[in-house]
Amino acid sequence: VSECFSPTPWCWEGRLQTLICVLLKTKPPVSYRNELIRTLDGGQISLDWVDNQTSTTYPESSTRPTVLLLPGLTGNSQQSYVRHAVTQATRHGYRCVVFNNRGVSGEELLTPVTYCAANTSDLERVVQHVKRLYPHAPLLGAGVSLGGMILLNYLARKRGDSGMVAGITISVAWDAIVSSNSLEKPLNWLLFNTYLTYGLRRAVSRHRKVLEKVVDVDHVLKARTIREFDERLTSVVFGYKSCVDYYLDASPGKKLPQTAVPILCLNAADDPFSPKNAFPVSVVQSLPNVALLVTAHGGHIAFLQGLFPRGETFMERLFGQFFHAAFEHPRDLQRACGIQEKQEKSSYGEMKT
């Protein structure tokens, strides 16, 4: 990273950074091309593409590198942080596609299946679709908050068969139980939990007809916290015995040793959604392919800098730098992660046998 992070002096505290970011951050104009793809269970996923056909760096569409963006809990392609990431990627000449979780982007929910941090089947479907369209274009995954949890769980599950050259995550909740406890502290509940739970309930109301086949919708709509919502809907839809079982399965920290591509994770030590005591520091220290970048301040998906933090921030610049490193210097990045050496040793072993 070519710079140090110094937070906005008048709002350096984590909760304040998080709130001010939502209130002040600009939304750069982005024009998407929407595509709906079907899933094996009869559902549909909404993808928002920015093809970047005017790219001078990669004029040939078939080899133009692709950034796959995964938004947070109730987010979609219209979030400020998504638009800024798209702007960074297109500025470098890359193509973008935003994977909107089921039912959050205005599309109809066709089956009583929503989304959760532990389930990676929809992401796998999206990656297969993108790779089928552009088999010769490198693909990078970028996940924010819940999107980062899904991405890390996918990379751990697929190991060397992920179809991605690298991954980057922002403000991941490393331990879902610890995060829930933090978000249920009175001030955090008031400032963040109630708003997010309202967004989740609103989505359920919109898709009530299809969801009432599998859950007690009236009971779900009385949820006052994300945990209550996950107990009443998410863990039921995805077949968990309890919300605790779901949260244990969703937490990506201990699964990092199973990943096989270069991964950069950005977290702030004062993130109210992701307490620093749950950061997998000791796990990451033993992994050559994973880097955990921790800033003292920055809040949740904020990382505001300067006196008037309305434009791009440290987070967006980090996106741009990592995209560039992964696509323009892939061998250097792999070598730094010890990936090249492993592949060479493997090939050498096969030759000997």
Protein backbone atom coordinates (compact mmCIF):
# COMPACT_ATOMS: atom_id res chain seq x y z
CA VAL A 1 0.00 0.00 0.00
CA SER A 2 1.53 3.28 -1.12
CA GLU A 3 0.10 5.44 1.70
CA CYS A 4 -0.68 5.51 5.40
CA PHE A 5 -4.23 5.93 6.66
CA SER A 6 -4.95 9.02 8.75
CA PRO A 7 -8.65 9.45 9.62
CA THR A 8 -10.67 12.65 9.31
CA PRO A 9 -9.68 14.57 12.48
CA TRP A 10 -13.21 15.66 13.41
CA CYS A 11 -14.72 12.17 13.08
CA TRP A 12 -11.97 9.65 13.83
CA GLU A 13 -14.03 7.41 16.16
CA GLY A 14 -15.39 4.19 14.60
CA ARG A 15 -19.12 4.72 15.09
CA LEU A 16 -18.85 8.33 13.92
CA GLN A 17 -16.83 7.32 10.85
CA THR A 18 -19.50 4.74 9.98
CA LEU A 19 -22.40 7.20 10.34
CA ILE A 20 -20.74 10.18 8.64
CA CYS A 21 -19.76 7.96 5.72
CA VAL A 22 -23.41 7.05 5.11
CA LEU A 23 -24.50 10.70 5.38
CA LEU A 24 -21.74 12.47 3.44
CA LYS A 25 -20.23 10.04 0.94
CA THR A 26 -20.83 10.84 -2.72
CA LYS A 27 -22.28 8.35 -5.17
CA PRO A 28 -20.38 8.58 -8.46
CA PRO A 29 -22.61 8.05 -11.51
CA VAL A 30 -22.49 4.48 -12.79
CA SER A 31 -24.54 3.08 -15.66
CA TYR A 32 -25.26 -0.63 -15.26
CA ARG A 33 -26.46 -3.29 -17.68
CA ASN A 34 -28.69 -5.69 -15.77
CA GLU A 35 -28.79 -9.44 -16.36
CA LEU A 36 -30.96 -12.00 -14.60
CA ILE A 37 -29.61 -15.56 -14.43
CA ARG A 38 -31.42 -18.65 -13.16
CA THR A 39 -30.25 -20.97 -10.41
CA LEU A 40 -30.59 -24.74 -10.13
CA ASP A 41 -33.40 -24.44 -7.55
CA GLY A 42 -35.47 -22.25 -9.91
CA GLY A 43 -34.46 -18.94 -8.36
CA GLN A 44 -32.88 -15.95 -10.06
CA ILE A 45 -29.85 -13.74 -9.42
CA SER A 46 -29.56 -10.13 -10.54
CA LEU A 47 -26.18 -9.14 -11.97
CA ASP A 48 -25.25 -5.53 -12.75
CA TRP A 49 -22.52 -5.19 -15.37
CA VAL A 50 -20.25 -2.33 -16.35
CA ASP A 51 -18.70 -3.69 -19.55
CA ASN A 52 -16.23 -0.81 -20.00
CA GLN A 53 -16.21 -1.24 -23.78
CA THR A 54 -14.30 2.03 -24.19
CA SER A 55 -11.32 0.59 -22.28
CA THR A 56 -8.10 1.57 -24.05
CA THR A 57 -5.97 -0.64 -21.79
CA TYR A 58 -8.00 -3.74 -22.65
CA PRO A 59 -9.87 -3.05 -25.91
CA GLU A 60 -10.43 -6.79 -26.46
CA SER A 61 -13.51 -7.81 -24.45
CA SER A 62 -12.58 -11.51 -24.25
CA THR A 63 -9.41 -10.83 -22.23
CA ARG A 64 -10.52 -7.73 -20.27
CA PRO A 65 -9.97 -8.45 -16.54
CA THR A 66 -13.19 -8.67 -14.52
CA VAL A 67 -13.86 -7.49 -10.96
CA LEU A 68 -16.75 -9.33 -9.26
CA LEU A 69 -18.19 -7.19 -6.44
CA LEU A 70 -20.19 -8.58 -3.50
CA PRO A 71 -22.06 -5.91 -1.44
CA GLY A 72 -22.93 -6.02 2.27
CA LEU A 73 -25.94 -7.32 4.22
CA THR A 74 -28.79 -5.27 2.72
CA GLY A 75 -26.65 -3.65 0.00
CA ASN A 76 -26.76 -3.81 -3.77
CA SER A 77 -25.04 -2.24 -6.78
CA GLN A 78 -26.32 1.24 -5.84
CA GLN A 79 -24.30 1.53 -2.60
CA SER A 80 -21.74 4.33 -2.55
CA TYR A 81 -18.84 1.95 -1.79
CA VAL A 82 -19.84 -0.29 -4.72
CA ARG A 83 -20.03 2.62 -7.14
CA HIS A 84 -16.66 3.92 -5.97
CA ALA A 85 -15.10 0.46 -6.41
CA VAL A 86 -16.59 0.24 -9.91
CA THR A 87 -15.14 3.68 -10.70
CA GLN A 88 -11.69 2.53 -9.54
CA ALA A 89 -11.86 -0.63 -11.64
CA THR A 90 -13.14 1.02 -14.83
CA ARG A 91 -10.51 3.75 -14.50
CA HIS A 92 -7.88 1.01 -14.79
CA GLY A 93 -9.63 -0.42 -17.86
CA TYR A 94 -11.33 -3.38 -16.18
CA ARG A 95 -14.85 -4.78 -16.47
CA CYS A 96 -17.12 -5.01 -13.39
CA VAL A 97 -20.04 -7.17 -12.40
CA VAL A 98 -21.98 -6.73 -9.16
CA PHE A 99 -23.49 -9.88 -7.65
CA ASN A 100 -26.70 -8.71 -5.92
CA ASN A 101 -27.94 -11.18 -3.31
CA ARG A 102 -31.36 -12.65 -4.01
CA GLY A 103 -34.29 -10.31 -3.57
CA VAL A 104 -32.35 -7.14 -2.68
CA SER A 105 -32.13 -5.43 -6.06
CA GLY A 106 -35.80 -5.05 -7.01
CA GLU A 107 -36.06 -8.42 -8.74
CA GLU A 108 -38.73 -10.95 -7.75
CA LEU A 109 -37.87 -13.76 -5.36
CA LEU A 110 -38.97 -16.84 -7.30
CA THR A 111 -38.26 -19.45 -4.62
CA PRO A 112 -38.31 -19.29 -0.79
CA VAL A 113 -34.52 -19.06 -0.68
CA THR A 114 -32.79 -15.84 0.39
CA TYR A 115 -29.06 -15.57 1.12
CA CYS A 116 -26.64 -16.09 3.99
CA ALA A 117 -22.94 -15.65 4.74
CA ALA A 118 -22.28 -19.40 4.84
CA ASN A 119 -23.98 -20.41 1.60
CA THR A 120 -21.72 -20.07 -1.44
CA SER A 121 -23.80 -21.87 -4.08
CA ASP A 122 -25.13 -18.64 -5.63
CA LEU A 123 -21.62 -17.20 -5.83
CA GLU A 124 -20.42 -20.42 -7.45
CA ARG A 125 -23.23 -20.12 -10.00
CA VAL A 126 -22.22 -16.51 -10.76
CA VAL A 127 -18.51 -17.36 -11.13
CA GLN A 128 -19.34 -20.23 -13.50
CA HIS A 129 -21.54 -17.89 -15.55
CA VAL A 130 -18.87 -15.17 -15.78
CA LYS A 131 -16.13 -17.68 -16.64
CA ARG A 132 -18.33 -19.23 -19.32
CA LEU A 133 -18.87 -15.80 -20.90
CA TYR A 134 -15.21 -14.76 -20.63
CA PRO A 135 -13.05 -17.89 -20.18
CA HIS A 136 -9.82 -16.03 -21.04
CA ALA A 137 -10.41 -13.00 -18.79
CA PRO A 138 -8.92 -13.12 -15.27
CA LEU A 139 -11.50 -12.74 -12.48
CA LEU A 140 -11.00 -11.09 -9.07
CA GLY A 141 -13.46 -11.18 -6.15
CA ALA A 142 -14.08 -8.10 -3.99
CA GLY A 143 -16.39 -8.53 -0.99
CA VAL A 144 -17.60 -5.95 1.50
CA SER A 145 -18.85 -6.90 5.00
CA LEU A 146 -21.27 -9.85 4.49
CA GLY A 147 -20.11 -10.00 0.85
CA GLY A 148 -16.57 -10.50 2.13
CA MET A 149 -17.70 -13.36 4.38
CA ILE A 150 -19.37 -15.08 1.42
CA LEU A 151 -16.26 -14.55 -0.72
CA LEU A 152 -13.87 -15.96 1.91
CA ASN A 153 -16.12 -18.96 2.58
CA TYR A 154 -16.24 -19.59 -1.18
CA LEU A 155 -12.46 -19.29 -1.60
CA ALA A 156 -11.93 -21.70 1.32
CA ARG A 157 -14.45 -24.19 -0.05
CA LYS A 158 -13.15 -24.15 -3.62
CA ARG A 159 -9.45 -23.92 -2.69
CA GLY A 160 -7.46 -23.91 -5.96
CA ASP A 161 -10.58 -24.32 -8.09
CA SER A 162 -12.23 -20.95 -7.35
CA GLY A 163 -11.90 -19.49 -10.85
CA MET A 164 -10.43 -16.33 -9.27
CA VAL A 165 -6.89 -14.96 -9.42
CA ALA A 166 -7.22 -13.10 -6.09
CA GLY A 167 -9.65 -11.72 -3.50
CA ILE A 168 -10.00 -8.56 -1.43
CA THR A 169 -12.35 -7.98 1.50
CA ILE A 170 -13.37 -4.88 3.44
CA SER A 171 -14.77 -4.82 7.01
CA VAL A 172 -15.47 -8.55 7.28
CA ALA A 173 -17.11 -9.87 10.46
CA TRP A 174 -14.62 -12.62 11.32
CA ASP A 175 -16.75 -14.17 14.07
CA ALA A 176 -20.49 -13.74 13.57
CA ILE A 177 -21.31 -14.42 17.24
CA VAL A 178 -18.83 -11.79 18.47
CA SER A 179 -20.20 -9.34 15.89
CA SER A 180 -23.79 -9.96 16.99
CA ASN A 181 -22.84 -9.36 20.62
CA SER A 182 -21.17 -6.07 19.67
CA LEU A 183 -24.13 -4.91 17.57
CA GLU A 184 -26.50 -5.62 20.46
CA LYS A 185 -24.74 -3.21 22.81
CA PRO A 186 -27.28 -0.41 23.48
CA LEU A 187 -25.66 2.36 21.42
CA ASN A 188 -24.69 0.08 18.51
CA TRP A 189 -28.20 -1.42 18.54
CA LEU A 190 -29.71 2.06 18.35
CA LEU A 191 -27.37 3.40 15.66
CA PHE A 192 -26.91 0.36 13.39
CA ASN A 193 -28.75 -2.81 14.33
CA THR A 194 -32.26 -1.35 14.20
CA TYR A 195 -31.66 0.21 10.77
CA LEU A 196 -30.24 -2.97 9.23
CA THR A 197 -32.96 -5.14 10.79
CA TYR A 198 -35.56 -2.77 9.34
CA GLY A 199 -33.99 -3.24 5.90
CA LEU A 200 -34.11 -7.01 6.28
CA ARG A 201 -37.76 -6.93 7.42
CA ARG A 202 -38.68 -4.66 4.53
CA ALA A 203 -37.25 -7.18 2.04
CA VAL A 204 -39.28 -9.96 3.71
CA SER A 205 -42.46 -7.88 3.44
CA ARG A 206 -41.82 -7.38 -0.27
CA HIS A 207 -41.41 -11.15 -0.81
CA ARG A 208 -43.98 -12.23 1.78
CA LYS A 209 -46.01 -14.46 -0.55
CA VAL A 210 -43.16 -16.78 -1.45
CA LEU A 211 -41.46 -16.76 1.97
CA GLU A 212 -44.58 -17.66 3.98
CA LYS A 213 -44.27 -21.16 2.48
CA VAL A 214 -41.28 -21.86 4.73
CA VAL A 215 -41.33 -19.40 7.68
CA ASP A 216 -43.76 -17.61 9.99
CA VAL A 217 -43.50 -14.22 8.26
CA ASP A 218 -45.40 -12.35 11.00
CA HIS A 219 -42.91 -13.67 13.57
CA VAL A 220 -39.97 -12.68 11.32
CA LEU A 221 -41.37 -9.15 10.94
CA LYS A 222 -41.30 -8.71 14.73
CA ALA A 223 -37.51 -9.24 14.84
CA ARG A 224 -35.76 -6.35 16.60
CA THR A 225 -32.17 -7.42 15.94
CA ILE A 226 -30.21 -9.08 13.13
CA ARG A 227 -29.74 -12.12 15.39
CA GLU A 228 -33.51 -12.47 15.92
CA PHE A 229 -34.01 -12.15 12.16
CA ASP A 230 -31.40 -14.84 11.50
CA GLU A 231 -32.99 -17.10 14.14
CA ARG A 232 -36.44 -16.77 12.61
CA LEU A 233 -35.59 -16.73 8.89
CA THR A 234 -32.00 -17.26 7.72
CA SER A 235 -31.16 -20.30 9.85
CA VAL A 236 -34.56 -21.85 9.03
CA VAL A 237 -34.30 -21.29 5.25
CA PHE A 238 -30.80 -22.76 5.13
CA GLY A 239 -31.51 -25.75 7.37
CA TYR A 240 -29.53 -24.92 10.50
CA LYS A 241 -30.62 -26.32 13.87
CA SER A 242 -30.02 -22.93 15.47
CA CYS A 243 -28.73 -19.45 14.79
CA VAL A 244 -25.56 -20.37 16.71
CA ASP A 245 -24.90 -23.23 14.26
CA TYR A 246 -25.40 -20.81 11.36
CA TYR A 247 -23.05 -18.21 12.85
CA LEU A 248 -20.36 -20.82 13.50
CA ASP A 249 -20.59 -22.00 9.89
CA ALA A 250 -20.64 -18.44 8.53
CA SER A 251 -17.52 -17.20 10.38
CA PRO A 252 -14.60 -17.29 7.90
CA GLY A 253 -11.61 -16.76 10.23
CA LYS A 254 -10.67 -20.40 10.85
CA LYS A 255 -11.22 -21.36 7.21
CA LEU A 256 -8.47 -19.10 5.83
CA PRO A 257 -5.84 -21.93 5.77
CA GLN A 258 -7.97 -23.65 3.10
CA THR A 259 -7.68 -20.70 0.68
CA ALA A 260 -5.24 -20.88 -2.24
CA VAL A 261 -5.18 -17.45 -3.92
CA PRO A 262 -3.73 -14.08 -2.80
CA ILE A 263 -6.16 -12.37 -0.41
CA LEU A 264 -6.01 -8.88 1.13
CA CYS A 265 -8.35 -8.11 4.05
CA LEU A 266 -8.88 -4.57 5.36
CA ASN A 267 -10.37 -4.08 8.84
CA ALA A 268 -10.49 -1.20 11.31
CA ALA A 269 -9.75 -1.91 14.97
CA ASP A 270 -12.67 0.35 15.97
CA ASP A 271 -15.28 -1.27 13.69
CA PRO A 272 -18.49 -1.64 15.79
CA PHE A 273 -19.59 -4.50 13.50
CA SER A 274 -16.34 -6.48 13.73
CA PRO A 275 -14.50 -6.27 17.09
CA LYS A 276 -10.71 -6.52 16.87
CA ASN A 277 -10.51 -9.36 19.42
CA ALA A 278 -12.05 -11.62 16.74
CA PHE A 279 -9.50 -10.74 14.04
CA PRO A 280 -7.68 -13.96 12.96
CA VAL A 281 -4.22 -12.44 13.47
CA SER A 282 -2.43 -15.65 14.53
CA VAL A 283 -4.04 -17.62 11.66
CA VAL A 284 -3.02 -15.02 9.07
CA GLN A 285 0.55 -14.86 10.40
CA SER A 286 1.07 -18.47 9.33
CA LEU A 287 -0.41 -17.98 5.83
CA PRO A 288 1.76 -16.60 3.01
CA ASN A 289 -1.24 -15.94 0.74
CA VAL A 290 -3.36 -13.85 3.16
CA ALA A 291 -2.60 -10.32 4.36
CA LEU A 292 -4.69 -8.67 7.10
CA LEU A 293 -4.39 -4.88 7.01
CA VAL A 294 -5.63 -3.37 10.29
CA THR A 295 -6.02 0.37 10.82
CA ALA A 296 -6.51 1.87 14.29
CA HIS A 297 -9.53 3.84 13.04
CA GLY A 298 -11.89 3.66 10.07
CA GLY A 299 -15.16 2.22 11.40
CA HIS A 300 -17.28 -0.05 9.23
CA ILE A 301 -16.85 0.39 5.43
CA ALA A 302 -15.78 4.00 6.05
CA PHE A 303 -12.04 4.81 6.33
CA LEU A 304 -12.73 8.52 5.86
CA GLN A 305 -9.79 10.87 5.29
CA GLY A 306 -9.32 14.62 4.88
CA LEU A 307 -11.35 17.51 6.28
CA PHE A 308 -14.26 17.05 3.84
CA PRO A 309 -14.52 13.26 3.33
CA ARG A 310 -17.04 13.12 0.51
CA GLY A 311 -15.06 11.55 -2.34
CA GLU A 312 -12.86 8.48 -2.62
CA THR A 313 -11.16 7.32 0.57
CA PHE A 314 -8.34 5.03 1.67
CA MET A 315 -10.65 2.06 1.09
CA GLU A 316 -11.33 2.93 -2.55
CA ARG A 317 -7.67 3.64 -3.28
CA LEU A 318 -6.76 0.28 -1.74
CA PHE A 319 -9.31 -1.37 -4.06
CA GLY A 320 -7.68 0.30 -7.07
CA GLN A 321 -4.14 -0.61 -6.01
CA PHE A 322 -5.01 -4.26 -5.36
CA PHE A 323 -6.95 -4.59 -8.63
CA HIS A 324 -3.91 -3.23 -10.45
CA ALA A 325 -1.46 -5.53 -8.63
CA ALA A 326 -3.55 -8.67 -9.21
CA PHE A 327 -4.19 -8.03 -12.90
CA GLU A 328 -1.00 -6.27 -14.03
CA HIS A 329 1.57 -8.09 -11.86
CA PRO A 330 0.01 -11.53 -11.20
CA ARG A 331 3.31 -13.44 -11.12
CA ASP A 332 4.89 -11.03 -8.66
CA LEU A 333 1.82 -11.27 -6.42
CA GLN A 334 1.76 -15.08 -6.59
CA ARG A 335 5.48 -15.27 -5.90
CA ALA A 336 5.06 -13.01 -2.87
CA CYS A 337 2.36 -15.39 -1.63
CA GLY A 338 4.47 -18.51 -2.25
CA ILE A 339 1.91 -19.79 -4.76
CA GLN A 340 4.30 -20.02 -7.70
CA GLU A 341 6.74 -22.11 -5.68
CA LYS A 342 4.05 -24.59 -4.65
CA GLN A 343 2.90 -25.04 -8.25
CA GLU A 344 6.47 -25.48 -9.48
CA LYS A 345 7.20 -28.04 -6.75
CA SER A 346 4.00 -29.89 -7.61
CA SER A 347 4.88 -29.96 -11.31
CA TYR A 348 8.43 -31.11 -10.46
CA GLY A 349 7.03 -33.92 -8.32
CA GLU A 350 4.78 -35.08 -11.15
CA MET A 351 7.74 -35.08 -13.56
CA LYS A 352 9.79 -37.24 -11.17
CA THR A 353 7.01 -39.80 -10.87
